[in-house]
Amino acid sequence: MAEILQVPTELPSRFDVAGVQISAVTLDRAAEMIVRAARHRIGGYVCVTGAHGVVECQRDPQLKDIHNASWLTVPDGMPLVWLARLRRVPLVGRVYGPDLMRKVLMWSSAPPSAPDIAASTSGLRHGFVGSTPEVLQALEHRVRFMYPHVTIAGSWPLPFRPLTGDEWTALLSAVRIARVELLWVGMSTPKQEQFMADWHRRWPDHAPTDPSPVLVGVGAAFDILAGIRTDAPRWVQRSGLQWLYRLLQEPRRLGPRYLRVVPTFLWLALRSLWDSRSRPLR
C-alpha cells in the first residue's frame, strides 16, 4: 500500500474512443488517485464507463461533454482495455465499478494504528447517493460488516425523476453538514453522469467556501455490494463476456440495448483503431 501511495497525483493521459476521452489508468492507480483527491478535497467527478457509455455519448453530445469534463473517465469494460492495448496505450487496466468501490473502501477503512497503511487513507468520510432506501440500508450493513473501520457519513435515496430545486438544496445541505469527502453515486447511465455534472455546477453556488466531495458514479455497484444482484464470475469478467452473463439474467430489459450497443461499439472501435494512427494521447 505504501508503494502505491507514492504514485504521482498528476492526471493521467487520455486516449480517444469516438470522441470520448478515456483515462489511461489501472484499478490501483484510479483508486489511489480517488483516495488522494477525496482526502485533499480536490473535488470533481469520476465517470466509470464502458461500451454502453461510449455508444450513448454518440447519441447525446452533452453526455460526451460530461465525460470529457470529468476529473477521470475510467475504462469499466474489457473491450476498452483491449482497444487500448491494440493501440499500444500503456498502463491501462479494467476499472470495474464494484472492484473500484471495494478497493477504495478497503484502503480508506484501515484503523489509524495500522502500521502498513498510510494514515492519510484512514477515516475517509464516505456517502452513498441514489437507489432506494432498501438498497442503501442493505449496502450500509454489508459495507460495515466487510470494512468495520469504514466511516459512513450518510446515505440518501433519490426519486426516479429529476430533482426539484428544493430537493437539490436539501441534498447539497445534507451532504455538506455530514462532511462527506467521497460521494458514491449509484444510478444507471446516463442519469448518474448527468447528476454528477449537475452537482458540479450547483455546489459552488450552494457552498462557495467549502470544497465539494469527490463524486464517483459506479452504476450497479450498490446492488452488487449490497448482495441484491449476483456478479459474474471472474473468468467471465476477464473474458469480456460479462454483457452476455447480464443478458441471460435480464433478457427482456437488456436485449434491445445490447442489440444496439454491441454492433455499434464494434464499428466505433474499428474506426478508433484506424483514426489512432494519426491521433496521439491527450
C-alpha atoms as a PDB file:
ATOM      1  CA  MET A   1       0.000   0.000   0.000  1.00  0.00           C
ATOM      2  CA  ALA A   2       2.780   2.425   0.877  1.00  0.00           C
ATOM      3  CA  GLU A   3       4.321   1.899  -2.560  1.00  0.00           C
ATOM      4  CA  ILE A   4       1.025   2.589  -4.303  1.00  0.00           C
ATOM      5  CA  LEU A   5       0.573   5.852  -2.396  1.00  0.00           C
ATOM      6  CA  GLN A   6       3.834   7.129  -3.848  1.00  0.00           C
ATOM      7  CA  VAL A   7       2.299   7.267  -7.334  1.00  0.00           C
ATOM      8  CA  PRO A   8       2.303  10.871  -8.609  1.00  0.00           C
ATOM      9  CA  THR A   9      -1.036  12.653  -8.412  1.00  0.00           C
ATOM     10  CA  GLU A  10      -0.946  14.422 -11.799  1.00  0.00           C
ATOM     11  CA  LEU A  11      -3.785  13.435 -14.096  1.00  0.00           C
ATOM     12  CA  PRO A  12      -3.060  10.581 -16.486  1.00  0.00           C
ATOM     13  CA  SER A  13      -3.138  10.932 -20.260  1.00  0.00           C
ATOM     14  CA  ARG A  14      -6.329  10.067 -22.124  1.00  0.00           C
ATOM     15  CA  PHE A  15      -6.981   8.141 -25.303  1.00  0.00           C
ATOM     16  CA  ASP A  16      -9.826   8.968 -27.658  1.00  0.00           C
ATOM     17  CA  VAL A  17     -12.624   6.494 -28.435  1.00  0.00           C
ATOM     18  CA  ALA A  18     -15.176   8.033 -30.796  1.00  0.00           C
ATOM     19  CA  GLY A  19     -14.730  11.425 -29.177  1.00  0.00           C
ATOM     20  CA  VAL A  20     -14.835  10.119 -25.594  1.00  0.00           C
ATOM     21  CA  GLN A  21     -11.595  10.765 -23.728  1.00  0.00           C
ATOM     22  CA  ILE A  22     -10.779   7.670 -21.619  1.00  0.00           C
ATOM     23  CA  SER A  23      -8.189   7.961 -18.826  1.00  0.00           C
ATOM     24  CA  ALA A  24      -5.196   5.633 -19.161  1.00  0.00           C
ATOM     25  CA  VAL A  25      -5.277   4.083 -15.680  1.00  0.00           C
ATOM     26  CA  THR A  26      -5.300   0.767 -13.877  1.00  0.00           C
ATOM     27  CA  LEU A  27      -7.596  -0.147 -10.977  1.00  0.00           C
ATOM     28  CA  ASP A  28      -4.912   0.562  -8.357  1.00  0.00           C
ATOM     29  CA  ARG A  29      -3.930   3.868  -9.931  1.00  0.00           C
ATOM     30  CA  ALA A  30      -7.544   5.056 -10.168  1.00  0.00           C
ATOM     31  CA  ALA A  31      -8.298   4.023  -6.575  1.00  0.00           C
ATOM     32  CA  GLU A  32      -5.165   5.718  -5.251  1.00  0.00           C
ATOM     33  CA  MET A  33      -5.958   8.948  -7.108  1.00  0.00           C
ATOM     34  CA  ILE A  34      -9.541   8.974  -5.851  1.00  0.00           C
ATOM     35  CA  VAL A  35      -8.455   8.452  -2.230  1.00  0.00           C
ATOM     36  CA  ARG A  36      -5.933  11.279  -2.512  1.00  0.00           C
ATOM     37  CA  ALA A  37      -8.407  13.604  -4.225  1.00  0.00           C
ATOM     38  CA  ALA A  38     -11.072  12.946  -1.593  1.00  0.00           C
ATOM     39  CA  ARG A  39      -8.661  13.388   1.301  1.00  0.00           C
ATOM     40  CA  HIS A  40      -7.370  16.688  -0.079  1.00  0.00           C
ATOM     41  CA  ARG A  41     -10.849  17.751  -1.246  1.00  0.00           C
ATOM     42  CA  ILE A  42      -9.772  18.296  -4.820  1.00  0.00           C
ATOM     43  CA  GLY A  43     -13.376  17.891  -5.988  1.00  0.00           C
ATOM     44  CA  GLY A  44     -14.548  16.878  -9.430  1.00  0.00           C
ATOM     45  CA  TYR A  45     -16.294  13.714 -10.542  1.00  0.00           C
ATOM     46  CA  VAL A  46     -15.283  10.334 -11.930  1.00  0.00           C
ATOM     47  CA  CYS A  47     -17.111   8.571 -14.772  1.00  0.00           C
ATOM     48  CA  VAL A  48     -16.841   4.777 -14.847  1.00  0.00           C
ATOM     49  CA  THR A  49     -17.730   3.962 -18.433  1.00  0.00           C
ATOM     50  CA  GLY A  50     -17.681   1.075 -20.883  1.00  0.00           C
ATOM     51  CA  ALA A  51     -19.019   0.271 -24.341  1.00  0.00           C
ATOM     52  CA  HIS A  52     -22.542   1.318 -23.354  1.00  0.00           C
ATOM     53  CA  GLY A  53     -21.368   4.728 -22.184  1.00  0.00           C
ATOM     54  CA  VAL A  54     -19.319   5.338 -25.332  1.00  0.00           C
ATOM     55  CA  VAL A  55     -22.298   4.443 -27.539  1.00  0.00           C
ATOM     56  CA  GLU A  56     -24.664   6.652 -25.521  1.00  0.00           C
ATOM     57  CA  CYS A  57     -22.239   9.546 -25.980  1.00  0.00           C
ATOM     58  CA  GLN A  58     -22.703   9.270 -29.757  1.00  0.00           C
ATOM     59  CA  ARG A  59     -26.431   9.865 -29.323  1.00  0.00           C
ATOM     60  CA  ASP A  60     -26.046  12.670 -26.788  1.00  0.00           C
ATOM     61  CA  PRO A  61     -23.316  15.275 -27.350  1.00  0.00           C
ATOM     62  CA  GLN A  62     -23.984  16.758 -23.901  1.00  0.00           C
ATOM     63  CA  LEU A  63     -23.229  13.377 -22.314  1.00  0.00           C
ATOM     64  CA  LYS A  64     -19.970  13.242 -24.265  1.00  0.00           C
ATOM     65  CA  ASP A  65     -19.063  16.690 -22.934  1.00  0.00           C
ATOM     66  CA  ILE A  66     -19.801  15.498 -19.381  1.00  0.00           C
ATOM     67  CA  HIS A  67     -17.440  12.538 -19.791  1.00  0.00           C
ATOM     68  CA  ASN A  68     -14.714  14.730 -21.226  1.00  0.00           C
ATOM     69  CA  ALA A  69     -15.060  17.365 -18.475  1.00  0.00           C
ATOM     70  CA  SER A  70     -14.643  14.744 -15.733  1.00  0.00           C
ATOM     71  CA  TRP A  71     -11.688  14.549 -13.388  1.00  0.00           C
ATOM     72  CA  LEU A  72     -11.274  10.933 -14.536  1.00  0.00           C
ATOM     73  CA  THR A  73     -13.179   8.773 -17.037  1.00  0.00           C
ATOM     74  CA  VAL A  74     -12.015   5.233 -16.367  1.00  0.00           C
ATOM     75  CA  PRO A  75     -12.417   2.117 -18.583  1.00  0.00           C
ATOM     76  CA  ASP A  76     -15.084  -0.063 -16.989  1.00  0.00           C
ATOM     77  CA  GLY A  77     -15.217  -2.795 -19.649  1.00  0.00           C
ATOM     78  CA  MET A  78     -12.676  -5.189 -21.158  1.00  0.00           C
ATOM     79  CA  PRO A  79     -13.436  -4.023 -24.739  1.00  0.00           C
ATOM     80  CA  LEU A  80     -11.993  -0.598 -23.870  1.00  0.00           C
ATOM     81  CA  VAL A  81      -8.935  -2.251 -22.309  1.00  0.00           C
ATOM     82  CA  TRP A  82      -8.384  -4.433 -25.370  1.00  0.00           C
ATOM     83  CA  LEU A  83      -8.779  -1.420 -27.629  1.00  0.00           C
ATOM     84  CA  ALA A  84      -6.160   0.458 -25.586  1.00  0.00           C
ATOM     85  CA  ARG A  85      -3.753  -2.476 -25.895  1.00  0.00           C
ATOM     86  CA  LEU A  86      -4.265  -2.707 -29.642  1.00  0.00           C
ATOM     87  CA  ARG A  87      -3.448   0.973 -29.826  1.00  0.00           C
ATOM     88  CA  ARG A  88      -0.399   0.418 -27.580  1.00  0.00           C
ATOM     89  CA  VAL A  89      -1.662   2.769 -24.885  1.00  0.00           C
ATOM     90  CA  PRO A  90       0.413   1.949 -21.773  1.00  0.00           C
ATOM     91  CA  LEU A  91      -0.791   1.323 -18.221  1.00  0.00           C
ATOM     92  CA  VAL A  92      -4.456   0.639 -18.913  1.00  0.00           C
ATOM     93  CA  GLY A  93      -6.465  -1.936 -16.966  1.00  0.00           C
ATOM     94  CA  ARG A  94     -10.112  -2.569 -16.304  1.00  0.00           C
ATOM     95  CA  VAL A  95     -11.552  -0.292 -13.620  1.00  0.00           C
ATOM     96  CA  TYR A  96     -14.761  -2.181 -12.845  1.00  0.00           C
ATOM     97  CA  GLY A  97     -17.155  -0.134 -10.697  1.00  0.00           C
ATOM     98  CA  PRO A  98     -17.723  -2.699  -7.899  1.00  0.00           C
ATOM     99  CA  ASP A  99     -13.991  -3.501  -7.743  1.00  0.00           C
ATOM    100  CA  LEU A 100     -13.123   0.193  -7.591  1.00  0.00           C
ATOM    101  CA  MET A 101     -15.585   0.696  -4.754  1.00  0.00           C
ATOM    102  CA  ARG A 102     -14.248  -2.313  -2.834  1.00  0.00           C
ATOM    103  CA  LYS A 103     -10.647  -1.197  -3.279  1.00  0.00           C
ATOM    104  CA  VAL A 104     -11.252   2.364  -2.087  1.00  0.00           C
ATOM    105  CA  LEU A 105     -13.383   1.206   0.854  1.00  0.00           C
ATOM    106  CA  MET A 106     -10.683  -1.274   1.870  1.00  0.00           C
ATOM    107  CA  TRP A 107      -7.894   1.299   1.674  1.00  0.00           C
ATOM    108  CA  SER A 108      -9.837   4.014   3.484  1.00  0.00           C
ATOM    109  CA  SER A 109     -11.175   1.811   6.270  1.00  0.00           C
ATOM    110  CA  ALA A 110      -7.917   0.754   7.916  1.00  0.00           C
ATOM    111  CA  PRO A 111      -7.607   1.633  11.616  1.00  0.00           C
ATOM    112  CA  PRO A 112      -5.349   4.660  12.175  1.00  0.00           C
ATOM    113  CA  SER A 113      -2.965   2.484  14.200  1.00  0.00           C
ATOM    114  CA  ALA A 114      -2.243   0.113  11.291  1.00  0.00           C
ATOM    115  CA  PRO A 115       1.489   0.467  10.602  1.00  0.00           C
ATOM    116  CA  ASP A 116       1.360  -0.701   6.980  1.00  0.00           C
ATOM    117  CA  ILE A 117      -1.360   1.715   5.870  1.00  0.00           C
ATOM    118  CA  ALA A 118      -0.657   5.385   5.317  1.00  0.00           C
ATOM    119  CA  ALA A 119      -2.528   7.491   7.874  1.00  0.00           C
ATOM    120  CA  SER A 120      -3.855   9.704   5.112  1.00  0.00           C
ATOM    121  CA  THR A 121      -6.112   6.922   3.860  1.00  0.00           C
ATOM    122  CA  SER A 122      -7.885   6.116   7.136  1.00  0.00           C
ATOM    123  CA  GLY A 123     -11.050   7.780   8.334  1.00  0.00           C
ATOM    124  CA  LEU A 124     -12.194   8.979   4.907  1.00  0.00           C
ATOM    125  CA  ARG A 125     -15.855  10.006   5.133  1.00  0.00           C
ATOM    126  CA  HIS A 126     -17.985   8.158   2.580  1.00  0.00           C
ATOM    127  CA  GLY A 127     -21.532   8.894   1.427  1.00  0.00           C
ATOM    128  CA  PHE A 128     -23.916   6.996  -0.840  1.00  0.00           C
ATOM    129  CA  VAL A 129     -26.494   8.672  -3.049  1.00  0.00           C
ATOM    130  CA  GLY A 130     -29.019   7.093  -5.427  1.00  0.00           C
ATOM    131  CA  SER A 131     -31.089   3.898  -5.489  1.00  0.00           C
ATOM    132  CA  THR A 132     -33.802   3.085  -2.905  1.00  0.00           C
ATOM    133  CA  PRO A 133     -33.879   3.173   0.910  1.00  0.00           C
ATOM    134  CA  GLU A 134     -33.929  -0.643   0.994  1.00  0.00           C
ATOM    135  CA  VAL A 135     -30.829  -0.979  -1.189  1.00  0.00           C
ATOM    136  CA  LEU A 136     -28.946   1.702   0.738  1.00  0.00           C
ATOM    137  CA  GLN A 137     -29.801   0.059   4.060  1.00  0.00           C
ATOM    138  CA  ALA A 138     -28.502  -3.290   2.801  1.00  0.00           C
ATOM    139  CA  LEU A 139     -25.427  -1.589   1.322  1.00  0.00           C
ATOM    140  CA  GLU A 140     -24.530   0.133   4.586  1.00  0.00           C
ATOM    141  CA  HIS A 141     -24.982  -3.109   6.505  1.00  0.00           C
ATOM    142  CA  ARG A 142     -22.716  -5.092   4.161  1.00  0.00           C
ATOM    143  CA  VAL A 143     -20.077  -2.358   3.957  1.00  0.00           C
ATOM    144  CA  ARG A 144     -19.874  -2.061   7.757  1.00  0.00           C
ATOM    145  CA  PHE A 145     -19.545  -5.846   8.000  1.00  0.00           C
ATOM    146  CA  MET A 146     -16.846  -6.166   5.331  1.00  0.00           C
ATOM    147  CA  TYR A 147     -14.945  -2.994   6.290  1.00  0.00           C
ATOM    148  CA  PRO A 148     -15.535  -2.498  10.029  1.00  0.00           C
ATOM    149  CA  HIS A 149     -13.377   0.624  10.278  1.00  0.00           C
ATOM    150  CA  VAL A 150     -15.029   2.464   7.382  1.00  0.00           C
ATOM    151  CA  THR A 151     -16.627   5.826   8.109  1.00  0.00           C
ATOM    152  CA  ILE A 152     -20.076   6.172   6.509  1.00  0.00           C
ATOM    153  CA  ALA A 153     -21.224   9.761   6.887  1.00  0.00           C
ATOM    154  CA  GLY A 154     -24.674   9.216   5.357  1.00  0.00           C
ATOM    155  CA  SER A 155     -26.763   7.830   2.527  1.00  0.00           C
ATOM    156  CA  TRP A 156     -29.500   9.475   0.510  1.00  0.00           C
ATOM    157  CA  PRO A 157     -32.015   7.703  -1.758  1.00  0.00           C
ATOM    158  CA  LEU A 158     -33.287   9.572  -4.788  1.00  0.00           C
ATOM    159  CA  PRO A 159     -36.622   9.574  -6.615  1.00  0.00           C
ATOM    160  CA  PHE A 160     -36.766   8.069 -10.116  1.00  0.00           C
ATOM    161  CA  ARG A 161     -37.140  11.505 -11.685  1.00  0.00           C
ATOM    162  CA  PRO A 162     -35.134  14.741 -11.855  1.00  0.00           C
ATOM    163  CA  LEU A 163     -34.757  16.531  -8.526  1.00  0.00           C
ATOM    164  CA  THR A 164     -36.635  19.755  -7.906  1.00  0.00           C
ATOM    165  CA  GLY A 165     -34.768  22.878  -6.864  1.00  0.00           C
ATOM    166  CA  ASP A 166     -35.769  22.407  -3.222  1.00  0.00           C
ATOM    167  CA  GLU A 167     -34.684  18.758  -3.308  1.00  0.00           C
ATOM    168  CA  TRP A 168     -31.311  19.746  -4.700  1.00  0.00           C
ATOM    169  CA  THR A 169     -30.866  22.322  -1.927  1.00  0.00           C
ATOM    170  CA  ALA A 170     -31.790  19.786   0.754  1.00  0.00           C
ATOM    171  CA  LEU A 171     -29.414  17.162  -0.644  1.00  0.00           C
ATOM    172  CA  LEU A 172     -26.484  19.541  -1.017  1.00  0.00           C
ATOM    173  CA  SER A 173     -27.040  20.815   2.523  1.00  0.00           C
ATOM    174  CA  ALA A 174     -27.245  17.301   3.981  1.00  0.00           C
ATOM    175  CA  VAL A 175     -24.017  16.186   2.314  1.00  0.00           C
ATOM    176  CA  ARG A 176     -22.254  19.379   3.382  1.00  0.00           C
ATOM    177  CA  ILE A 177     -23.395  19.053   7.006  1.00  0.00           C
ATOM    178  CA  ALA A 178     -22.303  15.387   7.032  1.00  0.00           C
ATOM    179  CA  ARG A 179     -18.822  16.475   5.853  1.00  0.00           C
ATOM    180  CA  VAL A 180     -18.759  13.826   3.140  1.00  0.00           C
ATOM    181  CA  GLU A 181     -15.398  13.616   1.380  1.00  0.00           C
ATOM    182  CA  LEU A 182     -16.188  10.861  -1.148  1.00  0.00           C
ATOM    183  CA  LEU A 183     -19.721  10.530  -2.524  1.00  0.00           C
ATOM    184  CA  TRP A 184     -20.567   7.287  -4.356  1.00  0.00           C
ATOM    185  CA  VAL A 185     -23.338   7.661  -6.949  1.00  0.00           C
ATOM    186  CA  GLY A 186     -25.409   4.571  -7.787  1.00  0.00           C
ATOM    187  CA  MET A 187     -27.557   5.176 -10.864  1.00  0.00           C
ATOM    188  CA  SER A 188     -27.685   3.982 -14.445  1.00  0.00           C
ATOM    189  CA  THR A 189     -26.048   5.659 -17.430  1.00  0.00           C
ATOM    190  CA  PRO A 190     -26.693   8.442 -18.416  1.00  0.00           C
ATOM    191  CA  LYS A 191     -28.571   9.503 -15.264  1.00  0.00           C
ATOM    192  CA  GLN A 192     -25.569   9.292 -12.945  1.00  0.00           C
ATOM    193  CA  GLU A 193     -23.310  11.268 -15.260  1.00  0.00           C
ATOM    194  CA  GLN A 194     -25.934  13.987 -15.626  1.00  0.00           C
ATOM    195  CA  PHE A 195     -26.417  14.018 -11.850  1.00  0.00           C
ATOM    196  CA  MET A 196     -22.680  14.428 -11.219  1.00  0.00           C
ATOM    197  CA  ALA A 197     -22.398  17.233 -13.768  1.00  0.00           C
ATOM    198  CA  ASP A 198     -25.408  18.997 -12.217  1.00  0.00           C
ATOM    199  CA  TRP A 199     -23.823  18.622  -8.782  1.00  0.00           C
ATOM    200  CA  HIS A 200     -20.559  20.067 -10.063  1.00  0.00           C
ATOM    201  CA  ARG A 201     -22.423  23.128 -11.377  1.00  0.00           C
ATOM    202  CA  ARG A 202     -24.628  23.656  -8.311  1.00  0.00           C
ATOM    203  CA  TRP A 203     -22.143  23.147  -5.486  1.00  0.00           C
ATOM    204  CA  PRO A 204     -20.165  26.433  -5.878  1.00  0.00           C
ATOM    205  CA  ASP A 205     -23.372  28.478  -5.609  1.00  0.00           C
ATOM    206  CA  HIS A 206     -24.586  26.456  -2.625  1.00  0.00           C
ATOM    207  CA  ALA A 207     -21.328  26.326  -0.656  1.00  0.00           C
ATOM    208  CA  PRO A 208     -18.853  28.761  -2.208  1.00  0.00           C
ATOM    209  CA  THR A 209     -16.349  28.462   0.654  1.00  0.00           C
ATOM    210  CA  ASP A 210     -16.475  24.684   1.095  1.00  0.00           C
ATOM    211  CA  PRO A 211     -14.852  22.174  -1.281  1.00  0.00           C
ATOM    212  CA  SER A 212     -17.144  19.626  -2.871  1.00  0.00           C
ATOM    213  CA  PRO A 213     -16.700  15.927  -2.178  1.00  0.00           C
ATOM    214  CA  VAL A 214     -15.340  13.811  -4.996  1.00  0.00           C
ATOM    215  CA  LEU A 215     -18.208  12.060  -6.810  1.00  0.00           C
ATOM    216  CA  VAL A 216     -17.757   8.593  -8.345  1.00  0.00           C
ATOM    217  CA  GLY A 217     -20.535   7.087 -10.490  1.00  0.00           C
ATOM    218  CA  VAL A 218     -20.486   3.304 -10.030  1.00  0.00           C
ATOM    219  CA  GLY A 219     -23.834   2.239 -11.540  1.00  0.00           C
ATOM    220  CA  ALA A 220     -24.971  -1.191 -10.361  1.00  0.00           C
ATOM    221  CA  ALA A 221     -22.187  -1.485  -7.758  1.00  0.00           C
ATOM    222  CA  PHE A 222     -24.665  -0.607  -4.997  1.00  0.00           C
ATOM    223  CA  ASP A 223     -26.819  -3.644  -5.828  1.00  0.00           C
ATOM    224  CA  ILE A 224     -23.781  -5.922  -6.117  1.00  0.00           C
ATOM    225  CA  LEU A 225     -22.084  -4.853  -2.885  1.00  0.00           C
ATOM    226  CA  ALA A 226     -25.435  -4.953  -1.077  1.00  0.00           C
ATOM    227  CA  GLY A 227     -25.850  -8.585  -2.146  1.00  0.00           C
ATOM    228  CA  ILE A 228     -29.012  -7.885  -4.122  1.00  0.00           C
ATOM    229  CA  ARG A 229     -27.553  -8.654  -7.554  1.00  0.00           C
ATOM    230  CA  THR A 230     -25.217 -11.543  -8.373  1.00  0.00           C
ATOM    231  CA  ASP A 231     -21.997 -10.543 -10.064  1.00  0.00           C
ATOM    232  CA  ALA A 232     -20.466 -12.502 -12.931  1.00  0.00           C
ATOM    233  CA  PRO A 233     -17.663 -14.977 -12.120  1.00  0.00           C
ATOM    234  CA  ARG A 234     -14.165 -13.580 -12.511  1.00  0.00           C
ATOM    235  CA  TRP A 235     -13.379 -15.688 -15.567  1.00  0.00           C
ATOM    236  CA  VAL A 236     -16.464 -14.282 -17.290  1.00  0.00           C
ATOM    237  CA  GLN A 237     -15.391 -10.735 -16.428  1.00  0.00           C
ATOM    238  CA  ARG A 238     -11.852 -11.318 -17.727  1.00  0.00           C
ATOM    239  CA  SER A 239     -13.140 -12.875 -20.952  1.00  0.00           C
ATOM    240  CA  GLY A 240     -15.169  -9.795 -21.843  1.00  0.00           C
ATOM    241  CA  LEU A 241     -18.427 -11.772 -21.796  1.00  0.00           C
ATOM    242  CA  GLN A 242     -19.995 -10.051 -18.808  1.00  0.00           C
ATOM    243  CA  TRP A 243     -22.524  -8.432 -21.121  1.00  0.00           C
ATOM    244  CA  LEU A 244     -23.697 -11.929 -22.146  1.00  0.00           C
ATOM    245  CA  TYR A 245     -23.932 -13.021 -18.500  1.00  0.00           C
ATOM    246  CA  ARG A 246     -26.111  -9.999 -17.723  1.00  0.00           C
ATOM    247  CA  LEU A 247     -28.174 -10.542 -20.857  1.00  0.00           C
ATOM    248  CA  LEU A 248     -29.010 -14.079 -19.748  1.00  0.00           C
ATOM    249  CA  GLN A 249     -30.072 -12.694 -16.367  1.00  0.00           C
ATOM    250  CA  GLU A 250     -32.276  -9.889 -17.759  1.00  0.00           C
ATOM    251  CA  PRO A 251     -33.045 -10.689 -21.422  1.00  0.00           C
ATOM    252  CA  ARG A 252     -36.141  -8.507 -21.752  1.00  0.00           C
ATOM    253  CA  ARG A 253     -34.568  -5.379 -20.299  1.00  0.00           C
ATOM    254  CA  LEU A 254     -31.087  -5.721 -21.765  1.00  0.00           C
ATOM    255  CA  GLY A 255     -31.793  -7.485 -25.070  1.00  0.00           C
ATOM    256  CA  PRO A 256     -32.781  -4.356 -27.032  1.00  0.00           C
ATOM    257  CA  ARG A 257     -29.883  -2.415 -25.515  1.00  0.00           C
ATOM    258  CA  TYR A 258     -27.222  -4.955 -26.470  1.00  0.00           C
ATOM    259  CA  LEU A 259     -28.639  -5.415 -29.962  1.00  0.00           C
ATOM    260  CA  ARG A 260     -27.864  -1.745 -30.438  1.00  0.00           C
ATOM    261  CA  VAL A 261     -24.733  -1.346 -28.314  1.00  0.00           C
ATOM    262  CA  VAL A 262     -22.616  -4.346 -29.388  1.00  0.00           C
ATOM    263  CA  PRO A 263     -22.546  -3.784 -33.184  1.00  0.00           C
ATOM    264  CA  THR A 264     -22.333  -0.010 -32.752  1.00  0.00           C
ATOM    265  CA  PHE A 265     -19.363  -0.281 -30.407  1.00  0.00           C
ATOM    266  CA  LEU A 266     -17.588  -2.737 -32.737  1.00  0.00           C
ATOM    267  CA  TRP A 267     -17.878  -0.208 -35.544  1.00  0.00           C
ATOM    268  CA  LEU A 268     -16.685   2.624 -33.276  1.00  0.00           C
ATOM    269  CA  ALA A 269     -13.743   0.511 -32.095  1.00  0.00           C
ATOM    270  CA  LEU A 270     -12.652  -0.265 -35.663  1.00  0.00           C
ATOM    271  CA  ARG A 271     -12.917   3.398 -36.569  1.00  0.00           C
ATOM    272  CA  SER A 272     -10.938   4.317 -33.444  1.00  0.00           C
ATOM    273  CA  LEU A 273      -8.153   1.920 -34.419  1.00  0.00           C
ATOM    274  CA  TRP A 274      -7.982   3.487 -37.860  1.00  0.00           C
ATOM    275  CA  ASP A 275      -8.022   7.048 -36.540  1.00  0.00           C
ATOM    276  CA  SER A 276      -5.456   6.328 -33.808  1.00  0.00           C
ATOM    277  CA  ARG A 277      -2.690   6.014 -36.361  1.00  0.00           C
ATOM    278  CA  SER A 278      -2.559   9.802 -36.545  1.00  0.00           C
ATOM    279  CA  ARG A 279      -4.058  10.776 -33.154  1.00  0.00           C
ATOM    280  CA  PRO A 280      -1.692  10.903 -30.133  1.00  0.00           C
ATOM    281  CA  LEU A 281      -2.618  10.576 -26.460  1.00  0.00           C
ATOM    282  CA  ARG A 282      -4.071  13.731 -24.959  1.00  0.00           C
END
